[in-house]
């Protein structure tokens, strides 16, 4: 019978805790997409704990540790950003979403008696892709790529941004989404 010693036990314990922390962040990020604002806070807290763990003495090199945290950061960035955007938009504009999650805008001719119409319904999917690209650009050390993300998003949505209420929500949502992704990417970049 061989005794592995306290070093092996600490190594296994460290990686088990780190795996649970990153997995917890990813799970809470996925739950956040369903609209839970508390899940966003929990996901961000898990990411912060993972980054703090990097400051602890850890076994088997920072590259593997950084990769685990980077993958968790990308997931937290992608999924946790949607509720953050919705929360800020609700506070800033006091408007409700349409049935498909899009922006409700007034018709150009309000006298015609038409109700509000829904535009920009693909925001959730676009936001997830935007945050993945932003976080990945920061992790890769190419922050200039974020300009490409912004350009593609703006050009792709230009035709639907005629109403000022849609423009305002688009700008606020983009800033919050990019800000969330930048924070996640910057934290993960510290250890990558």
N, C-alpha and C. Protein backbone atom coordinates (compact mmCIF):
# COMPACT_ATOMS: atom_id res chain seq x y z
N UNK A 1 0.84 -1.17 0.00
CA UNK A 1 0.00 0.00 0.00
C UNK A 1 0.88 1.23 0.00
N UNK A 2 0.68 2.10 -0.99
CA UNK A 2 1.49 3.30 -1.05
C UNK A 2 0.67 4.51 -0.63
N UNK A 3 1.34 5.41 0.01
CA UNK A 3 0.68 6.63 0.48
C UNK A 3 1.04 7.75 -0.48
N UNK A 4 0.04 8.41 -1.02
CA UNK A 4 0.27 9.45 -2.02
C UNK A 4 0.79 10.74 -1.40
N UNK A 5 0.50 10.98 -0.16
CA UNK A 5 0.98 12.18 0.50
C UNK A 5 0.02 13.35 0.37
N UNK A 6 0.26 14.36 1.20
CA UNK A 6 -0.65 15.52 1.20
C UNK A 6 -0.61 16.31 -0.10
N UNK A 7 0.47 16.27 -0.84
CA UNK A 7 0.55 17.01 -2.10
C UNK A 7 -0.47 16.55 -3.12
N UNK A 8 -0.62 15.24 -3.26
CA UNK A 8 -1.59 14.69 -4.20
C UNK A 8 -3.02 14.99 -3.74
N UNK A 9 -3.25 14.86 -2.45
CA UNK A 9 -4.58 15.14 -1.91
C UNK A 9 -4.95 16.61 -2.15
N UNK A 10 -4.02 17.51 -1.91
CA UNK A 10 -4.29 18.94 -2.14
C UNK A 10 -4.50 19.23 -3.62
N UNK A 11 -3.74 18.56 -4.48
CA UNK A 11 -3.91 18.75 -5.92
C UNK A 11 -5.30 18.32 -6.36
N UNK A 12 -5.72 17.14 -5.94
CA UNK A 12 -7.05 16.63 -6.30
C UNK A 12 -8.13 17.54 -5.73
N UNK A 13 -7.97 17.96 -4.48
CA UNK A 13 -8.96 18.84 -3.85
C UNK A 13 -9.04 20.19 -4.58
N UNK A 14 -7.90 20.76 -4.92
CA UNK A 14 -7.88 22.04 -5.63
C UNK A 14 -8.63 21.94 -6.96
N UNK A 15 -8.32 20.92 -7.75
CA UNK A 15 -8.96 20.77 -9.06
C UNK A 15 -10.43 20.43 -8.95
N UNK A 16 -10.79 19.68 -7.92
CA UNK A 16 -12.21 19.36 -7.71
C UNK A 16 -12.99 20.63 -7.38
N UNK A 17 -12.44 21.45 -6.50
CA UNK A 17 -13.12 22.70 -6.13
C UNK A 17 -13.18 23.64 -7.32
N UNK A 18 -12.09 23.78 -8.06
CA UNK A 18 -12.08 24.66 -9.23
C UNK A 18 -13.09 24.19 -10.27
N UNK A 19 -13.15 22.90 -10.49
CA UNK A 19 -14.12 22.36 -11.46
C UNK A 19 -15.54 22.66 -11.01
N UNK A 20 -15.83 22.49 -9.74
CA UNK A 20 -17.16 22.79 -9.22
C UNK A 20 -17.48 24.28 -9.33
N UNK A 21 -16.51 25.13 -9.08
CA UNK A 21 -16.73 26.58 -9.16
C UNK A 21 -17.04 26.99 -10.59
N UNK A 22 -16.23 26.52 -11.54
CA UNK A 22 -16.46 26.87 -12.94
C UNK A 22 -17.78 26.26 -13.43
N UNK A 23 -18.04 25.02 -13.07
CA UNK A 23 -19.31 24.39 -13.46
C UNK A 23 -20.49 25.13 -12.86
N UNK A 24 -20.37 25.56 -11.61
CA UNK A 24 -21.44 26.34 -10.99
C UNK A 24 -21.69 27.64 -11.73
N UNK A 25 -20.62 28.30 -12.14
CA UNK A 25 -20.78 29.54 -12.92
C UNK A 25 -21.49 29.30 -14.24
N UNK A 26 -21.14 28.20 -14.89
CA UNK A 26 -21.77 27.88 -16.17
C UNK A 26 -23.25 27.53 -15.97
N UNK A 27 -23.55 26.75 -14.94
CA UNK A 27 -24.95 26.37 -14.66
C UNK A 27 -25.77 27.61 -14.36
N UNK A 28 -25.26 28.49 -13.50
CA UNK A 28 -26.01 29.70 -13.18
C UNK A 28 -26.15 30.62 -14.39
N UNK A 29 -25.15 30.62 -15.27
CA UNK A 29 -25.27 31.40 -16.50
C UNK A 29 -26.39 30.87 -17.38
N UNK A 30 -26.46 29.55 -17.49
CA UNK A 30 -27.54 28.94 -18.29
C UNK A 30 -28.90 29.25 -17.67
N UNK A 31 -29.00 29.21 -16.35
CA UNK A 31 -30.25 29.55 -15.67
C UNK A 31 -30.60 31.02 -15.86
N UNK A 32 -29.57 31.85 -15.97
CA UNK A 32 -29.79 33.29 -16.14
C UNK A 32 -30.50 33.60 -17.45
N UNK A 33 -30.27 32.79 -18.46
CA UNK A 33 -30.93 33.01 -19.75
C UNK A 33 -32.45 32.93 -19.60
N UNK A 34 -32.91 32.13 -18.65
CA UNK A 34 -34.34 32.01 -18.40
C UNK A 34 -34.91 33.25 -17.72
N UNK A 35 -34.05 34.20 -17.36
CA UNK A 35 -34.54 35.46 -16.82
C UNK A 35 -34.27 35.69 -15.35
N UNK A 36 -33.55 34.82 -14.68
CA UNK A 36 -33.27 35.00 -13.26
C UNK A 36 -32.11 35.96 -13.07
N UNK A 37 -32.41 37.11 -12.49
CA UNK A 37 -31.35 38.10 -12.25
C UNK A 37 -30.41 37.63 -11.15
N UNK A 38 -30.90 36.85 -10.20
CA UNK A 38 -30.04 36.32 -9.15
C UNK A 38 -29.05 35.33 -9.72
N UNK A 39 -29.44 34.62 -10.77
CA UNK A 39 -28.52 33.68 -11.40
C UNK A 39 -27.35 34.42 -12.05
N UNK A 40 -27.60 35.62 -12.56
CA UNK A 40 -26.52 36.44 -13.14
C UNK A 40 -25.51 36.79 -12.06
N UNK A 41 -26.00 37.22 -10.92
CA UNK A 41 -25.11 37.60 -9.82
C UNK A 41 -24.31 36.38 -9.36
N UNK A 42 -24.97 35.24 -9.24
CA UNK A 42 -24.29 34.01 -8.83
C UNK A 42 -23.22 33.61 -9.84
N UNK A 43 -23.54 33.71 -11.14
CA UNK A 43 -22.56 33.35 -12.18
C UNK A 43 -21.33 34.25 -12.10
N UNK A 44 -21.55 35.54 -11.93
CA UNK A 44 -20.43 36.48 -11.81
C UNK A 44 -19.60 36.18 -10.56
N UNK A 45 -20.26 35.84 -9.48
CA UNK A 45 -19.56 35.50 -8.24
C UNK A 45 -18.69 34.26 -8.42
N UNK A 46 -19.23 33.25 -9.13
CA UNK A 46 -18.46 32.04 -9.39
C UNK A 46 -17.22 32.36 -10.22
N UNK A 47 -17.37 33.24 -11.21
CA UNK A 47 -16.21 33.61 -12.03
C UNK A 47 -15.16 34.32 -11.17
N UNK A 48 -15.59 35.21 -10.31
CA UNK A 48 -14.65 35.91 -9.43
C UNK A 48 -13.93 34.94 -8.50
N UNK A 49 -14.66 33.96 -7.96
CA UNK A 49 -14.03 32.96 -7.09
C UNK A 49 -12.99 32.18 -7.86
N UNK A 50 -13.29 31.81 -9.10
CA UNK A 50 -12.33 31.07 -9.92
C UNK A 50 -11.07 31.89 -10.16
N UNK A 51 -11.24 33.19 -10.42
CA UNK A 51 -10.07 34.05 -10.64
C UNK A 51 -9.26 34.20 -9.36
N UNK A 52 -9.94 34.34 -8.23
CA UNK A 52 -9.23 34.44 -6.95
C UNK A 52 -8.46 33.16 -6.67
N UNK A 53 -9.01 32.02 -7.05
CA UNK A 53 -8.31 30.74 -6.83
C UNK A 53 -6.98 30.70 -7.55
N UNK A 54 -6.85 31.45 -8.62
CA UNK A 54 -5.59 31.48 -9.36
C UNK A 54 -4.49 32.08 -8.50
N UNK A 55 -4.86 33.00 -7.61
CA UNK A 55 -3.88 33.61 -6.73
C UNK A 55 -3.36 32.67 -5.66
N UNK A 56 -4.07 31.58 -5.43
CA UNK A 56 -3.63 30.59 -4.45
C UNK A 56 -2.52 29.75 -5.06
N UNK A 57 -1.65 29.21 -4.22
CA UNK A 57 -0.65 28.28 -4.79
C UNK A 57 -1.39 27.09 -5.41
N UNK A 58 -1.13 26.82 -6.66
CA UNK A 58 -1.85 25.74 -7.32
C UNK A 58 -0.88 24.82 -8.05
N UNK A 59 -1.26 23.57 -8.13
CA UNK A 59 -0.40 22.57 -8.75
C UNK A 59 -0.58 22.48 -10.26
N UNK A 60 0.41 21.95 -10.90
CA UNK A 60 0.38 21.58 -12.31
C UNK A 60 0.13 22.74 -13.26
N UNK A 61 0.85 23.79 -13.07
CA UNK A 61 0.94 24.85 -14.06
C UNK A 61 -0.29 25.69 -14.29
N UNK A 62 -0.08 26.97 -14.60
CA UNK A 62 -1.19 27.89 -14.82
C UNK A 62 -1.87 27.71 -16.17
N UNK A 63 -1.25 27.04 -17.14
CA UNK A 63 -1.87 26.97 -18.46
C UNK A 63 -3.16 26.15 -18.43
N UNK A 64 -3.16 25.02 -17.75
CA UNK A 64 -4.37 24.21 -17.65
C UNK A 64 -5.41 24.95 -16.81
N UNK A 65 -4.97 25.55 -15.73
CA UNK A 65 -5.86 26.32 -14.87
C UNK A 65 -6.49 27.47 -15.66
N UNK A 66 -5.67 28.17 -16.40
CA UNK A 66 -6.18 29.28 -17.21
C UNK A 66 -7.18 28.82 -18.26
N UNK A 67 -6.93 27.66 -18.85
CA UNK A 67 -7.85 27.14 -19.87
C UNK A 67 -9.21 26.81 -19.26
N UNK A 68 -9.21 26.22 -18.08
CA UNK A 68 -10.47 25.89 -17.41
C UNK A 68 -11.25 27.16 -17.09
N UNK A 69 -10.56 28.14 -16.54
CA UNK A 69 -11.22 29.40 -16.19
C UNK A 69 -11.67 30.14 -17.45
N UNK A 70 -10.87 30.11 -18.49
CA UNK A 70 -11.24 30.79 -19.74
C UNK A 70 -12.51 30.19 -20.34
N UNK A 71 -12.62 28.88 -20.35
CA UNK A 71 -13.84 28.25 -20.87
C UNK A 71 -15.06 28.64 -20.03
N UNK A 72 -14.88 28.64 -18.72
CA UNK A 72 -15.97 29.08 -17.85
C UNK A 72 -16.34 30.53 -18.08
N UNK A 73 -15.34 31.37 -18.29
CA UNK A 73 -15.59 32.80 -18.53
C UNK A 73 -16.35 33.02 -19.82
N UNK A 74 -16.03 32.26 -20.85
CA UNK A 74 -16.75 32.39 -22.12
C UNK A 74 -18.21 32.00 -21.94
N UNK A 75 -18.47 30.92 -21.22
CA UNK A 75 -19.86 30.50 -20.98
C UNK A 75 -20.61 31.51 -20.13
N UNK A 76 -19.97 32.00 -19.08
CA UNK A 76 -20.62 32.99 -18.21
C UNK A 76 -20.86 34.28 -18.98
N UNK A 77 -19.92 34.65 -19.81
CA UNK A 77 -20.08 35.85 -20.64
C UNK A 77 -21.25 35.69 -21.60
N UNK A 78 -21.29 34.55 -22.28
CA UNK A 78 -22.31 34.32 -23.30
C UNK A 78 -23.71 34.30 -22.73
N UNK A 79 -23.91 33.55 -21.67
CA UNK A 79 -25.26 33.34 -21.17
C UNK A 79 -25.67 34.31 -20.07
N UNK A 80 -24.73 34.75 -19.26
CA UNK A 80 -25.06 35.66 -18.18
C UNK A 80 -25.33 37.08 -18.63
N UNK A 81 -24.87 37.43 -19.81
CA UNK A 81 -25.06 38.79 -20.30
C UNK A 81 -26.49 39.13 -20.68
N UNK A 82 -27.26 38.14 -21.11
CA UNK A 82 -28.64 38.42 -21.55
C UNK A 82 -29.51 38.99 -20.43
N UNK A 83 -29.54 38.37 -19.26
CA UNK A 83 -30.33 38.96 -18.18
C UNK A 83 -29.78 40.31 -17.71
N UNK A 84 -28.46 40.47 -17.78
CA UNK A 84 -27.89 41.76 -17.41
C UNK A 84 -28.40 42.85 -18.36
N UNK A 85 -28.43 42.55 -19.64
CA UNK A 85 -28.94 43.51 -20.64
C UNK A 85 -30.41 43.80 -20.37
N UNK A 86 -31.21 42.76 -20.15
CA UNK A 86 -32.64 42.95 -19.92
C UNK A 86 -32.89 43.79 -18.66
N UNK A 87 -32.10 43.56 -17.64
CA UNK A 87 -32.26 44.32 -16.39
C UNK A 87 -31.98 45.80 -16.62
N UNK A 88 -30.87 46.10 -17.28
CA UNK A 88 -30.51 47.50 -17.52
C UNK A 88 -31.52 48.17 -18.45
N UNK A 89 -31.96 47.45 -19.48
CA UNK A 89 -32.97 48.01 -20.38
C UNK A 89 -34.28 48.30 -19.65
N UNK A 90 -34.69 47.40 -18.77
CA UNK A 90 -35.92 47.61 -18.02
C UNK A 90 -35.79 48.84 -17.12
N UNK A 91 -34.63 49.02 -16.51
CA UNK A 91 -34.42 50.18 -15.65
C UNK A 91 -34.31 51.48 -16.45
N UNK A 92 -33.67 51.40 -17.62
CA UNK A 92 -33.42 52.61 -18.40
C UNK A 92 -34.62 53.07 -19.21
N UNK A 93 -35.36 52.15 -19.78
CA UNK A 93 -36.42 52.55 -20.72
C UNK A 93 -37.82 52.27 -20.23
N UNK A 94 -37.96 51.45 -19.21
CA UNK A 94 -39.27 51.10 -18.66
C UNK A 94 -40.24 50.58 -19.73
N UNK A 95 -39.69 49.87 -20.70
CA UNK A 95 -40.51 49.28 -21.75
C UNK A 95 -40.54 47.77 -21.59
N UNK A 96 -41.60 47.18 -22.06
CA UNK A 96 -41.70 45.72 -22.03
C UNK A 96 -41.23 45.16 -23.36
N UNK A 97 -40.91 43.88 -23.34
CA UNK A 97 -40.51 43.20 -24.57
C UNK A 97 -41.74 42.70 -25.30
N UNK A 98 -41.56 42.39 -26.56
CA UNK A 98 -42.61 41.76 -27.33
C UNK A 98 -42.70 40.28 -26.99
N UNK A 99 -43.65 39.61 -27.61
CA UNK A 99 -43.86 38.19 -27.33
C UNK A 99 -42.64 37.34 -27.69
N UNK A 100 -41.91 37.74 -28.71
CA UNK A 100 -40.73 36.99 -29.14
C UNK A 100 -39.44 37.56 -28.55
N UNK A 101 -39.55 38.45 -27.55
CA UNK A 101 -38.38 39.02 -26.92
C UNK A 101 -37.79 40.21 -27.64
N UNK A 102 -38.47 40.70 -28.68
CA UNK A 102 -37.97 41.84 -29.45
C UNK A 102 -38.37 43.17 -28.84
N UNK A 103 -37.99 44.23 -29.52
CA UNK A 103 -38.30 45.59 -29.09
C UNK A 103 -39.63 46.00 -29.70
N UNK A 104 -40.50 46.57 -28.89
CA UNK A 104 -41.78 47.08 -29.38
C UNK A 104 -41.62 48.54 -29.75
N UNK A 105 -41.98 48.89 -30.98
CA UNK A 105 -41.90 50.28 -31.39
C UNK A 105 -43.26 50.74 -31.89
N UNK A 106 -43.48 52.04 -31.78
CA UNK A 106 -44.73 52.62 -32.26
C UNK A 106 -44.67 52.72 -33.78
N UNK A 107 -45.81 52.59 -34.44
CA UNK A 107 -45.82 52.73 -35.90
C UNK A 107 -45.50 54.18 -36.27
N UNK A 108 -44.98 54.35 -37.48
CA UNK A 108 -44.63 55.70 -37.94
C UNK A 108 -45.85 56.59 -38.00
N UNK A 109 -46.98 56.01 -38.35
CA UNK A 109 -48.21 56.78 -38.45
C UNK A 109 -49.13 56.37 -37.31
N UNK A 110 -48.94 57.00 -36.14
CA UNK A 110 -49.71 56.65 -34.94
C UNK A 110 -51.20 56.92 -35.13
N UNK A 111 -51.53 57.82 -36.02
CA UNK A 111 -52.94 58.16 -36.24
C UNK A 111 -53.69 57.03 -36.94
N UNK A 112 -52.97 56.11 -37.57
CA UNK A 112 -53.61 55.01 -38.28
C UNK A 112 -54.25 54.01 -37.33
N UNK A 113 -53.96 54.15 -36.04
CA UNK A 113 -54.57 53.28 -35.04
C UNK A 113 -53.90 51.92 -34.91
N UNK A 114 -52.76 51.75 -35.52
CA UNK A 114 -52.05 50.48 -35.41
C UNK A 114 -51.39 50.39 -34.04
N UNK A 115 -51.27 49.16 -33.54
CA UNK A 115 -50.56 48.94 -32.28
C UNK A 115 -49.05 48.92 -32.53
N UNK A 116 -48.32 48.72 -31.48
CA UNK A 116 -46.87 48.65 -31.61
C UNK A 116 -46.47 47.38 -32.35
N UNK A 117 -45.39 47.48 -33.08
CA UNK A 117 -44.90 46.29 -33.78
C UNK A 117 -43.56 45.89 -33.17
N UNK A 118 -43.26 44.63 -33.29
CA UNK A 118 -42.07 44.08 -32.67
C UNK A 118 -40.95 43.97 -33.71
N UNK A 119 -39.77 44.48 -33.34
CA UNK A 119 -38.59 44.39 -34.21
C UNK A 119 -37.43 43.82 -33.41
N UNK A 120 -36.37 43.49 -34.08
CA UNK A 120 -35.13 43.00 -33.48
C UNK A 120 -35.37 41.78 -32.58
N UNK A 121 -36.03 40.78 -33.10
CA UNK A 121 -36.39 39.61 -32.32
C UNK A 121 -35.23 38.63 -32.11
N UNK A 122 -34.16 38.74 -32.84
CA UNK A 122 -33.04 37.81 -32.70
C UNK A 122 -31.98 38.27 -31.72
N UNK A 123 -32.35 39.18 -30.85
CA UNK A 123 -31.38 39.78 -29.93
C UNK A 123 -30.68 38.79 -29.02
N UNK A 124 -31.38 37.79 -28.52
CA UNK A 124 -30.77 36.82 -27.60
C UNK A 124 -29.64 36.07 -28.31
N UNK A 125 -29.92 35.55 -29.48
CA UNK A 125 -28.91 34.80 -30.23
C UNK A 125 -27.75 35.70 -30.63
N UNK A 126 -28.07 36.87 -31.14
CA UNK A 126 -27.01 37.80 -31.54
C UNK A 126 -26.17 38.22 -30.34
N UNK A 127 -26.84 38.45 -29.21
CA UNK A 127 -26.11 38.84 -28.00
C UNK A 127 -25.16 37.76 -27.53
N UNK A 128 -25.61 36.51 -27.56
CA UNK A 128 -24.73 35.40 -27.15
C UNK A 128 -23.51 35.33 -28.07
N UNK A 129 -23.74 35.41 -29.37
CA UNK A 129 -22.62 35.36 -30.31
C UNK A 129 -21.68 36.56 -30.14
N UNK A 130 -22.27 37.73 -29.91
CA UNK A 130 -21.48 38.95 -29.69
C UNK A 130 -20.58 38.81 -28.46
N UNK A 131 -21.14 38.28 -27.37
CA UNK A 131 -20.36 38.15 -26.14
C UNK A 131 -19.29 37.07 -26.27
N UNK A 132 -19.59 35.96 -26.96
CA UNK A 132 -18.57 34.93 -27.18
C UNK A 132 -17.41 35.52 -27.99
N UNK A 133 -17.73 36.24 -29.06
CA UNK A 133 -16.69 36.83 -29.90
C UNK A 133 -15.87 37.87 -29.13
N UNK A 134 -16.53 38.67 -28.32
CA UNK A 134 -15.83 39.70 -27.54
C UNK A 134 -14.91 39.07 -26.51
N UNK A 135 -15.42 38.11 -25.77
CA UNK A 135 -14.61 37.45 -24.74
C UNK A 135 -13.45 36.70 -25.38
N UNK A 136 -13.70 36.01 -26.47
CA UNK A 136 -12.63 35.28 -27.17
C UNK A 136 -11.57 36.24 -27.70
N UNK A 137 -11.99 37.39 -28.21
CA UNK A 137 -11.02 38.39 -28.70
C UNK A 137 -10.11 38.87 -27.57
N UNK A 138 -10.69 39.10 -26.40
CA UNK A 138 -9.88 39.54 -25.26
C UNK A 138 -8.95 38.44 -24.78
N UNK A 139 -9.45 37.21 -24.75
CA UNK A 139 -8.60 36.09 -24.33
C UNK A 139 -7.46 35.86 -25.32
N UNK A 140 -7.72 36.10 -26.59
CA UNK A 140 -6.69 35.92 -27.62
C UNK A 140 -5.72 37.09 -27.67
N UNK A 141 -6.04 38.15 -26.93
CA UNK A 141 -5.16 39.33 -26.92
C UNK A 141 -5.33 40.20 -28.15
N UNK A 142 -6.51 40.15 -28.77
CA UNK A 142 -6.78 40.95 -29.96
C UNK A 142 -8.04 41.79 -29.72
N UNK A 143 -7.96 42.79 -28.85
CA UNK A 143 -9.15 43.59 -28.55
C UNK A 143 -9.67 44.37 -29.76
N UNK A 144 -8.83 44.55 -30.77
CA UNK A 144 -9.26 45.26 -31.98
C UNK A 144 -10.41 44.53 -32.68
N UNK A 145 -10.49 43.22 -32.47
CA UNK A 145 -11.55 42.43 -33.10
C UNK A 145 -12.94 42.83 -32.60
N UNK A 146 -12.99 43.46 -31.45
CA UNK A 146 -14.29 43.91 -30.92
C UNK A 146 -14.91 44.96 -31.85
N UNK A 147 -14.08 45.75 -32.50
CA UNK A 147 -14.59 46.73 -33.46
C UNK A 147 -15.31 46.04 -34.61
N UNK A 148 -14.83 44.89 -35.03
CA UNK A 148 -15.48 44.13 -36.10
C UNK A 148 -16.84 43.63 -35.62
N UNK A 149 -16.91 43.16 -34.38
CA UNK A 149 -18.17 42.68 -33.81
C UNK A 149 -19.20 43.81 -33.80
N UNK A 150 -18.79 44.97 -33.34
CA UNK A 150 -19.69 46.13 -33.29
C UNK A 150 -20.14 46.53 -34.69
N UNK A 151 -19.21 46.54 -35.63
CA UNK A 151 -19.55 46.92 -37.01
C UNK A 151 -20.56 45.95 -37.63
N UNK A 152 -20.32 44.67 -37.46
CA UNK A 152 -21.24 43.67 -38.02
C UNK A 152 -22.62 43.81 -37.40
N UNK A 153 -22.66 43.99 -36.10
CA UNK A 153 -23.95 44.11 -35.42
C UNK A 153 -24.69 45.37 -35.88
N UNK A 154 -23.99 46.46 -35.98
CA UNK A 154 -24.63 47.73 -36.39
C UNK A 154 -25.11 47.71 -37.82
N UNK A 155 -24.29 47.20 -38.72
CA UNK A 155 -24.66 47.17 -40.13
C UNK A 155 -25.81 46.20 -40.35
N UNK A 156 -25.75 45.06 -39.67
CA UNK A 156 -26.80 44.06 -39.84
C UNK A 156 -28.16 44.52 -39.34
N UNK A 157 -28.20 45.43 -38.40
CA UNK A 157 -29.46 45.90 -37.83
C UNK A 157 -29.85 47.29 -38.28
N UNK A 158 -29.09 47.89 -39.16
CA UNK A 158 -29.30 49.28 -39.53
C UNK A 158 -30.71 49.56 -40.05
N UNK A 159 -31.25 48.66 -40.88
CA UNK A 159 -32.54 48.91 -41.50
C UNK A 159 -33.70 48.91 -40.49
N UNK A 160 -33.54 48.23 -39.36
CA UNK A 160 -34.62 48.16 -38.37
C UNK A 160 -34.50 49.22 -37.29
N UNK A 161 -33.55 50.12 -37.41
CA UNK A 161 -33.33 51.10 -36.36
C UNK A 161 -33.89 52.47 -36.71
N UNK A 162 -35.00 52.51 -37.41
CA UNK A 162 -35.60 53.78 -37.80
C UNK A 162 -36.25 54.52 -36.64
N UNK A 163 -36.88 53.81 -35.72
CA UNK A 163 -37.56 54.44 -34.59
C UNK A 163 -36.56 54.76 -33.49
N UNK A 164 -36.73 55.94 -32.89
CA UNK A 164 -35.78 56.36 -31.85
C UNK A 164 -35.80 55.41 -30.65
N UNK A 165 -36.97 54.83 -30.33
CA UNK A 165 -37.01 53.91 -29.20
C UNK A 165 -36.21 52.64 -29.48
N UNK A 166 -36.20 52.20 -30.74
CA UNK A 166 -35.40 51.03 -31.11
C UNK A 166 -33.91 51.38 -31.07
N UNK A 167 -33.56 52.57 -31.53
CA UNK A 167 -32.16 53.00 -31.50
C UNK A 167 -31.63 53.06 -30.07
N UNK A 168 -32.43 53.64 -29.19
CA UNK A 168 -32.01 53.78 -27.80
C UNK A 168 -31.80 52.42 -27.15
N UNK A 169 -32.75 51.53 -27.30
CA UNK A 169 -32.62 50.20 -26.70
C UNK A 169 -31.46 49.41 -27.32
N UNK A 170 -31.25 49.57 -28.61
CA UNK A 170 -30.15 48.89 -29.29
C UNK A 170 -28.80 49.35 -28.73
N UNK A 171 -28.65 50.66 -28.56
CA UNK A 171 -27.39 51.21 -28.06
C UNK A 171 -27.15 50.79 -26.61
N UNK A 172 -28.17 50.93 -25.78
CA UNK A 172 -28.02 50.53 -24.37
C UNK A 172 -27.71 49.05 -24.28
N UNK A 173 -28.46 48.23 -25.00
CA UNK A 173 -28.23 46.79 -24.97
C UNK A 173 -26.84 46.40 -25.43
N UNK A 174 -26.37 47.06 -26.48
CA UNK A 174 -25.03 46.76 -27.00
C UNK A 174 -23.96 47.13 -25.99
N UNK A 175 -24.08 48.29 -25.36
CA UNK A 175 -23.08 48.69 -24.37
C UNK A 175 -23.05 47.76 -23.16
N UNK A 176 -24.21 47.39 -22.67
CA UNK A 176 -24.26 46.48 -21.51
C UNK A 176 -23.70 45.12 -21.90
N UNK A 177 -24.09 44.61 -23.05
CA UNK A 177 -23.62 43.31 -23.51
C UNK A 177 -22.10 43.29 -23.67
N UNK A 178 -21.57 44.30 -24.34
CA UNK A 178 -20.12 44.37 -24.54
C UNK A 178 -19.39 44.59 -23.22
N UNK A 179 -19.98 45.38 -22.33
CA UNK A 179 -19.37 45.60 -21.02
C UNK A 179 -19.29 44.32 -20.22
N UNK A 180 -20.38 43.55 -20.21
CA UNK A 180 -20.40 42.26 -19.51
C UNK A 180 -19.32 41.34 -20.07
N UNK A 181 -19.27 41.25 -21.40
CA UNK A 181 -18.28 40.37 -22.05
C UNK A 181 -16.85 40.85 -21.78
N UNK A 182 -16.65 42.17 -21.76
CA UNK A 182 -15.31 42.71 -21.51
C UNK A 182 -14.84 42.39 -20.10
N UNK A 183 -15.72 42.49 -19.12
CA UNK A 183 -15.35 42.16 -17.75
C UNK A 183 -15.01 40.67 -17.63
N UNK A 184 -15.85 39.82 -18.20
CA UNK A 184 -15.57 38.37 -18.16
C UNK A 184 -14.25 38.06 -18.87
N UNK A 185 -14.05 38.65 -20.03
CA UNK A 185 -12.83 38.40 -20.79
C UNK A 185 -11.59 38.93 -20.09
N UNK A 186 -11.72 40.12 -19.48
CA UNK A 186 -10.56 40.71 -18.78
C UNK A 186 -10.19 39.87 -17.56
N UNK A 187 -11.18 39.40 -16.80
CA UNK A 187 -10.89 38.56 -15.65
C UNK A 187 -10.20 37.27 -16.08
N UNK A 188 -10.72 36.64 -17.11
CA UNK A 188 -10.12 35.39 -17.57
C UNK A 188 -8.75 35.64 -18.18
N UNK A 189 -8.56 36.79 -18.81
CA UNK A 189 -7.26 37.11 -19.42
C UNK A 189 -6.16 37.23 -18.36
N UNK A 190 -6.55 37.57 -17.14
CA UNK A 190 -5.56 37.66 -16.06
C UNK A 190 -4.87 36.34 -15.81
N UNK A 191 -5.55 35.25 -16.09
CA UNK A 191 -4.98 33.93 -15.80
C UNK A 191 -4.63 33.14 -17.05
N UNK A 192 -4.99 33.61 -18.19
CA UNK A 192 -4.79 32.85 -19.43
C UNK A 192 -3.36 32.88 -19.87
